[in-house]
């Protein structure tokens, strides 16, 4: 008899397990639906330097490395193995928006700009328009200039009289020579 109880208990356990397996699937489906409704905050990932069409237009053959750095900023990639090449790479990944990636490579010859190549860069206004999610439907860049009517609401700043401007500009004359920074050497 104990064997029958064991086999009956085993059969009951198998039947209960078979009954619970479909329930696990429905619980899993419900949990997936709930998880799809509740999404975590996804951050915006920006890497590199944004290079605009205006900056690329300012590049001229024969510019020094310093001049190129002043126009484009510090390159994202430099290599000791490719010392005559600077890479400017810009990527931005935003939630629910297609990632953007742009690349510009600058080549030097004898420390002077020889040529550059890369993707077509957007203008600053085009780039800002793509970033603004509020105006995404209209695609228009807001006007950033104040009209005369808007400016008239603010009082004009008082202009100092010409005498005050010249008296502030007149500074005492600098001495012709300065005393030495160190005193005479002591006899050690």
C-alpha atoms as a PDB file:
ATOM      1  CA  UNK A   1       0.000   0.000   0.000  1.00  0.00           C
ATOM      2  CA  UNK A   2       2.756   2.516   0.713  1.00  0.00           C
ATOM      3  CA  UNK A   3       3.943   2.054  -2.862  1.00  0.00           C
ATOM      4  CA  UNK A   4       0.492   2.932  -4.175  1.00  0.00           C
ATOM      5  CA  UNK A   5       0.444   6.064  -2.035  1.00  0.00           C
ATOM      6  CA  UNK A   6       3.849   7.035  -3.327  1.00  0.00           C
ATOM      7  CA  UNK A   7       2.884   6.420  -6.939  1.00  0.00           C
ATOM      8  CA  UNK A   8      -0.445   8.241  -6.371  1.00  0.00           C
ATOM      9  CA  UNK A   9       1.361  11.158  -4.785  1.00  0.00           C
ATOM     10  CA  UNK A  10       3.809  11.186  -7.655  1.00  0.00           C
ATOM     11  CA  UNK A  11       0.983  11.133 -10.192  1.00  0.00           C
ATOM     12  CA  UNK A  12      -0.785  13.951  -8.326  1.00  0.00           C
ATOM     13  CA  UNK A  13       2.360  16.025  -8.342  1.00  0.00           C
ATOM     14  CA  UNK A  14       2.773  15.484 -12.098  1.00  0.00           C
ATOM     15  CA  UNK A  15      -0.855  16.480 -12.735  1.00  0.00           C
ATOM     16  CA  UNK A  16      -0.494  19.620 -10.559  1.00  0.00           C
ATOM     17  CA  UNK A  17       2.727  20.561 -12.356  1.00  0.00           C
ATOM     18  CA  UNK A  18       1.060  20.149 -15.751  1.00  0.00           C
ATOM     19  CA  UNK A  19      -1.815  22.350 -14.590  1.00  0.00           C
ATOM     20  CA  UNK A  20       0.530  25.097 -13.369  1.00  0.00           C
ATOM     21  CA  UNK A  21       2.733  25.339 -16.487  1.00  0.00           C
ATOM     22  CA  UNK A  22       0.171  27.212 -18.637  1.00  0.00           C
ATOM     23  CA  UNK A  23      -0.464  29.561 -15.717  1.00  0.00           C
ATOM     24  CA  UNK A  24       3.228  30.482 -15.697  1.00  0.00           C
ATOM     25  CA  UNK A  25       2.936  31.506 -19.339  1.00  0.00           C
ATOM     26  CA  UNK A  26       0.021  33.823 -18.658  1.00  0.00           C
ATOM     27  CA  UNK A  27       1.808  35.367 -15.669  1.00  0.00           C
ATOM     28  CA  UNK A  28       4.885  35.879 -17.842  1.00  0.00           C
ATOM     29  CA  UNK A  29       2.783  37.526 -20.570  1.00  0.00           C
ATOM     30  CA  UNK A  30       1.100  39.814 -18.027  1.00  0.00           C
ATOM     31  CA  UNK A  31       4.426  40.808 -16.513  1.00  0.00           C
ATOM     32  CA  UNK A  32       5.796  41.599 -20.006  1.00  0.00           C
ATOM     33  CA  UNK A  33       2.785  43.829 -20.746  1.00  0.00           C
ATOM     34  CA  UNK A  34       3.251  45.679 -17.455  1.00  0.00           C
ATOM     35  CA  UNK A  35       7.000  46.038 -18.040  1.00  0.00           C
ATOM     36  CA  UNK A  36       6.365  47.469 -21.519  1.00  0.00           C
ATOM     37  CA  UNK A  37       4.115  50.173 -20.034  1.00  0.00           C
ATOM     38  CA  UNK A  38       6.598  51.149 -17.330  1.00  0.00           C
ATOM     39  CA  UNK A  39       9.869  52.139 -18.982  1.00  0.00           C
ATOM     40  CA  UNK A  40      12.928  53.494 -17.230  1.00  0.00           C
ATOM     41  CA  UNK A  41      14.341  56.928 -17.990  1.00  0.00           C
ATOM     42  CA  UNK A  42      16.728  56.740 -20.919  1.00  0.00           C
ATOM     43  CA  UNK A  43      19.465  59.319 -21.018  1.00  0.00           C
ATOM     44  CA  UNK A  44      20.748  61.231 -23.989  1.00  0.00           C
ATOM     45  CA  UNK A  45      24.293  60.211 -24.907  1.00  0.00           C
ATOM     46  CA  UNK A  46      26.443  62.854 -26.608  1.00  0.00           C
ATOM     47  CA  UNK A  47      30.045  62.116 -27.534  1.00  0.00           C
ATOM     48  CA  UNK A  48      32.630  64.143 -29.411  1.00  0.00           C
ATOM     49  CA  UNK A  49      32.559  67.673 -30.795  1.00  0.00           C
ATOM     50  CA  UNK A  50      29.770  68.997 -32.962  1.00  0.00           C
ATOM     51  CA  UNK A  51      31.252  70.539 -36.121  1.00  0.00           C
ATOM     52  CA  UNK A  52      28.933  72.785 -38.130  1.00  0.00           C
ATOM     53  CA  UNK A  53      28.857  73.632 -41.824  1.00  0.00           C
ATOM     54  CA  UNK A  54      29.982  77.161 -40.895  1.00  0.00           C
ATOM     55  CA  UNK A  55      33.074  75.834 -39.113  1.00  0.00           C
ATOM     56  CA  UNK A  56      34.035  73.646 -42.076  1.00  0.00           C
ATOM     57  CA  UNK A  57      33.620  76.653 -44.382  1.00  0.00           C
ATOM     58  CA  UNK A  58      36.116  78.585 -42.207  1.00  0.00           C
ATOM     59  CA  UNK A  59      38.870  76.019 -42.836  1.00  0.00           C
ATOM     60  CA  UNK A  60      41.491  77.087 -45.354  1.00  0.00           C
ATOM     61  CA  UNK A  61      44.429  75.196 -46.764  1.00  0.00           C
ATOM     62  CA  UNK A  62      47.662  76.300 -45.093  1.00  0.00           C
ATOM     63  CA  UNK A  63      46.174  76.990 -41.641  1.00  0.00           C
ATOM     64  CA  UNK A  64      48.352  76.011 -38.683  1.00  0.00           C
ATOM     65  CA  UNK A  65      47.318  73.315 -36.207  1.00  0.00           C
ATOM     66  CA  UNK A  66      46.525  76.011 -33.646  1.00  0.00           C
ATOM     67  CA  UNK A  67      44.268  77.845 -36.090  1.00  0.00           C
ATOM     68  CA  UNK A  68      42.429  74.621 -36.945  1.00  0.00           C
ATOM     69  CA  UNK A  69      41.992  73.878 -33.223  1.00  0.00           C
ATOM     70  CA  UNK A  70      40.582  77.388 -32.688  1.00  0.00           C
ATOM     71  CA  UNK A  71      38.014  76.835 -35.467  1.00  0.00           C
ATOM     72  CA  UNK A  72      37.010  73.220 -34.785  1.00  0.00           C
ATOM     73  CA  UNK A  73      37.992  72.644 -31.166  1.00  0.00           C
ATOM     74  CA  UNK A  74      40.119  69.830 -29.793  1.00  0.00           C
ATOM     75  CA  UNK A  75      39.923  66.688 -31.939  1.00  0.00           C
ATOM     76  CA  UNK A  76      38.291  63.617 -30.465  1.00  0.00           C
ATOM     77  CA  UNK A  77      40.929  61.296 -31.911  1.00  0.00           C
ATOM     78  CA  UNK A  78      44.637  61.867 -32.384  1.00  0.00           C
ATOM     79  CA  UNK A  79      47.221  59.156 -32.805  1.00  0.00           C
ATOM     80  CA  UNK A  80      50.983  59.098 -32.481  1.00  0.00           C
ATOM     81  CA  UNK A  81      50.981  56.672 -35.412  1.00  0.00           C
ATOM     82  CA  UNK A  82      49.036  59.137 -37.590  1.00  0.00           C
ATOM     83  CA  UNK A  83      50.390  62.454 -36.330  1.00  0.00           C
ATOM     84  CA  UNK A  84      49.294  64.302 -39.473  1.00  0.00           C
ATOM     85  CA  UNK A  85      45.640  63.371 -39.036  1.00  0.00           C
ATOM     86  CA  UNK A  86      42.946  64.623 -36.645  1.00  0.00           C
ATOM     87  CA  UNK A  87      39.526  63.005 -36.432  1.00  0.00           C
ATOM     88  CA  UNK A  88      36.460  64.903 -35.280  1.00  0.00           C
ATOM     89  CA  UNK A  89      33.663  62.463 -34.487  1.00  0.00           C
ATOM     90  CA  UNK A  90      30.276  63.440 -33.095  1.00  0.00           C
ATOM     91  CA  UNK A  91      27.510  61.054 -32.048  1.00  0.00           C
ATOM     92  CA  UNK A  92      24.245  61.682 -30.258  1.00  0.00           C
ATOM     93  CA  UNK A  93      21.853  58.976 -29.130  1.00  0.00           C
ATOM     94  CA  UNK A  94      18.447  60.013 -27.837  1.00  0.00           C
ATOM     95  CA  UNK A  95      15.488  57.893 -26.793  1.00  0.00           C
ATOM     96  CA  UNK A  96      12.957  57.275 -29.587  1.00  0.00           C
ATOM     97  CA  UNK A  97      15.078  59.199 -32.118  1.00  0.00           C
ATOM     98  CA  UNK A  98      17.395  57.795 -34.778  1.00  0.00           C
ATOM     99  CA  UNK A  99      21.050  58.189 -33.644  1.00  0.00           C
ATOM    100  CA  UNK A 100      23.108  60.854 -35.403  1.00  0.00           C
ATOM    101  CA  UNK A 101      26.773  60.375 -36.288  1.00  0.00           C
ATOM    102  CA  UNK A 102      29.074  62.782 -38.123  1.00  0.00           C
ATOM    103  CA  UNK A 103      32.778  62.501 -38.914  1.00  0.00           C
ATOM    104  CA  UNK A 104      35.358  64.965 -40.220  1.00  0.00           C
ATOM    105  CA  UNK A 105      39.024  64.093 -40.777  1.00  0.00           C
ATOM    106  CA  UNK A 106      41.636  66.848 -41.099  1.00  0.00           C
ATOM    107  CA  UNK A 107      45.017  66.108 -42.704  1.00  0.00           C
ATOM    108  CA  UNK A 108      48.181  68.127 -42.152  1.00  0.00           C
ATOM    109  CA  UNK A 109      51.391  68.337 -44.148  1.00  0.00           C
ATOM    110  CA  UNK A 110      54.397  70.008 -42.468  1.00  0.00           C
ATOM    111  CA  UNK A 111      52.087  71.149 -39.615  1.00  0.00           C
ATOM    112  CA  UNK A 112      49.825  73.046 -42.047  1.00  0.00           C
ATOM    113  CA  UNK A 113      46.324  72.069 -43.130  1.00  0.00           C
ATOM    114  CA  UNK A 114      46.550  70.119 -46.382  1.00  0.00           C
ATOM    115  CA  UNK A 115      42.975  68.895 -46.855  1.00  0.00           C
ATOM    116  CA  UNK A 116      39.930  67.560 -45.017  1.00  0.00           C
ATOM    117  CA  UNK A 117      37.198  65.044 -45.764  1.00  0.00           C
ATOM    118  CA  UNK A 118      34.108  63.710 -44.100  1.00  0.00           C
ATOM    119  CA  UNK A 119      30.344  63.771 -43.880  1.00  0.00           C
ATOM    120  CA  UNK A 120      28.276  66.752 -44.946  1.00  0.00           C
ATOM    121  CA  UNK A 121      27.784  68.777 -41.797  1.00  0.00           C
ATOM    122  CA  UNK A 122      24.525  70.475 -40.856  1.00  0.00           C
ATOM    123  CA  UNK A 123      24.392  74.199 -40.169  1.00  0.00           C
ATOM    124  CA  UNK A 124      24.005  75.260 -36.550  1.00  0.00           C
ATOM    125  CA  UNK A 125      20.345  76.175 -37.148  1.00  0.00           C
ATOM    126  CA  UNK A 126      19.602  72.771 -38.728  1.00  0.00           C
ATOM    127  CA  UNK A 127      21.275  70.971 -35.818  1.00  0.00           C
ATOM    128  CA  UNK A 128      19.311  72.947 -33.226  1.00  0.00           C
ATOM    129  CA  UNK A 129      16.068  72.268 -35.109  1.00  0.00           C
ATOM    130  CA  UNK A 130      16.752  68.515 -34.907  1.00  0.00           C
ATOM    131  CA  UNK A 131      17.424  68.747 -31.171  1.00  0.00           C
ATOM    132  CA  UNK A 132      14.226  70.631 -30.353  1.00  0.00           C
ATOM    133  CA  UNK A 133      11.569  67.987 -29.745  1.00  0.00           C
ATOM    134  CA  UNK A 134       8.818  70.563 -29.112  1.00  0.00           C
ATOM    135  CA  UNK A 135       8.898  71.953 -32.667  1.00  0.00           C
ATOM    136  CA  UNK A 136       9.418  68.564 -34.296  1.00  0.00           C
ATOM    137  CA  UNK A 137       6.047  68.680 -36.052  1.00  0.00           C
ATOM    138  CA  UNK A 138       6.565  72.116 -37.592  1.00  0.00           C
ATOM    139  CA  UNK A 139      10.283  71.722 -38.360  1.00  0.00           C
ATOM    140  CA  UNK A 140      10.712  75.497 -38.025  1.00  0.00           C
ATOM    141  CA  UNK A 141      13.530  77.157 -36.146  1.00  0.00           C
ATOM    142  CA  UNK A 142      12.206  79.885 -33.826  1.00  0.00           C
ATOM    143  CA  UNK A 143      13.180  83.468 -34.606  1.00  0.00           C
ATOM    144  CA  UNK A 144      15.920  84.609 -32.244  1.00  0.00           C
ATOM    145  CA  UNK A 145      15.676  88.364 -32.917  1.00  0.00           C
ATOM    146  CA  UNK A 146      13.608  90.858 -31.001  1.00  0.00           C
ATOM    147  CA  UNK A 147      11.351  93.210 -32.961  1.00  0.00           C
ATOM    148  CA  UNK A 148      11.410  96.976 -32.416  1.00  0.00           C
ATOM    149  CA  UNK A 149       8.077  96.670 -30.604  1.00  0.00           C
ATOM    150  CA  UNK A 150       9.546  94.126 -28.171  1.00  0.00           C
ATOM    151  CA  UNK A 151      12.657  96.253 -27.619  1.00  0.00           C
ATOM    152  CA  UNK A 152      10.572  99.375 -26.898  1.00  0.00           C
ATOM    153  CA  UNK A 153       9.209  97.719 -23.726  1.00  0.00           C
ATOM    154  CA  UNK A 154      12.641  97.986 -22.109  1.00  0.00           C
ATOM    155  CA  UNK A 155      14.065 101.359 -21.035  1.00  0.00           C
ATOM    156  CA  UNK A 156      17.124 102.566 -22.880  1.00  0.00           C
ATOM    157  CA  UNK A 157      20.332 102.488 -20.866  1.00  0.00           C
ATOM    158  CA  UNK A 158      21.592 105.968 -19.983  1.00  0.00           C
ATOM    159  CA  UNK A 159      24.546 107.142 -22.064  1.00  0.00           C
ATOM    160  CA  UNK A 160      27.309 108.733 -19.929  1.00  0.00           C
ATOM    161  CA  UNK A 161      28.269 112.297 -20.867  1.00  0.00           C
ATOM    162  CA  UNK A 162      31.404 112.595 -23.004  1.00  0.00           C
ATOM    163  CA  UNK A 163      33.368 114.216 -20.139  1.00  0.00           C
ATOM    164  CA  UNK A 164      32.855 111.212 -17.872  1.00  0.00           C
ATOM    165  CA  UNK A 165      33.995 108.812 -20.594  1.00  0.00           C
ATOM    166  CA  UNK A 166      37.244 110.706 -21.176  1.00  0.00           C
ATOM    167  CA  UNK A 167      37.995 111.099 -17.450  1.00  0.00           C
ATOM    168  CA  UNK A 168      37.638 107.337 -16.939  1.00  0.00           C
ATOM    169  CA  UNK A 169      39.834 106.636 -19.931  1.00  0.00           C
ATOM    170  CA  UNK A 170      42.610 108.962 -18.739  1.00  0.00           C
ATOM    171  CA  UNK A 171      44.817 106.846 -16.504  1.00  0.00           C
ATOM    172  CA  UNK A 172      48.029 107.872 -14.817  1.00  0.00           C
ATOM    173  CA  UNK A 173      51.148 107.475 -16.909  1.00  0.00           C
ATOM    174  CA  UNK A 174      53.162 104.321 -16.334  1.00  0.00           C
ATOM    175  CA  UNK A 175      56.727 104.677 -15.021  1.00  0.00           C
ATOM    176  CA  UNK A 176      59.587 104.508 -17.527  1.00  0.00           C
ATOM    177  CA  UNK A 177      61.459 101.879 -15.509  1.00  0.00           C
ATOM    178  CA  UNK A 178      60.623  99.509 -12.708  1.00  0.00           C
ATOM    179  CA  UNK A 179      62.661  98.613  -9.611  1.00  0.00           C
ATOM    180  CA  UNK A 180      64.337  95.191  -9.631  1.00  0.00           C
ATOM    181  CA  UNK A 181      62.236  92.288  -8.386  1.00  0.00           C
ATOM    182  CA  UNK A 182      64.970  91.083  -6.025  1.00  0.00           C
ATOM    183  CA  UNK A 183      66.975  93.175  -3.635  1.00  0.00           C
ATOM    184  CA  UNK A 184      70.761  93.377  -3.808  1.00  0.00           C
ATOM    185  CA  UNK A 185      72.464  90.057  -3.155  1.00  0.00           C
ATOM    186  CA  UNK A 186      73.613  89.739   0.418  1.00  0.00           C
ATOM    187  CA  UNK A 187      77.218  88.724   1.013  1.00  0.00           C
ATOM    188  CA  UNK A 188      76.954  85.090   2.001  1.00  0.00           C
END
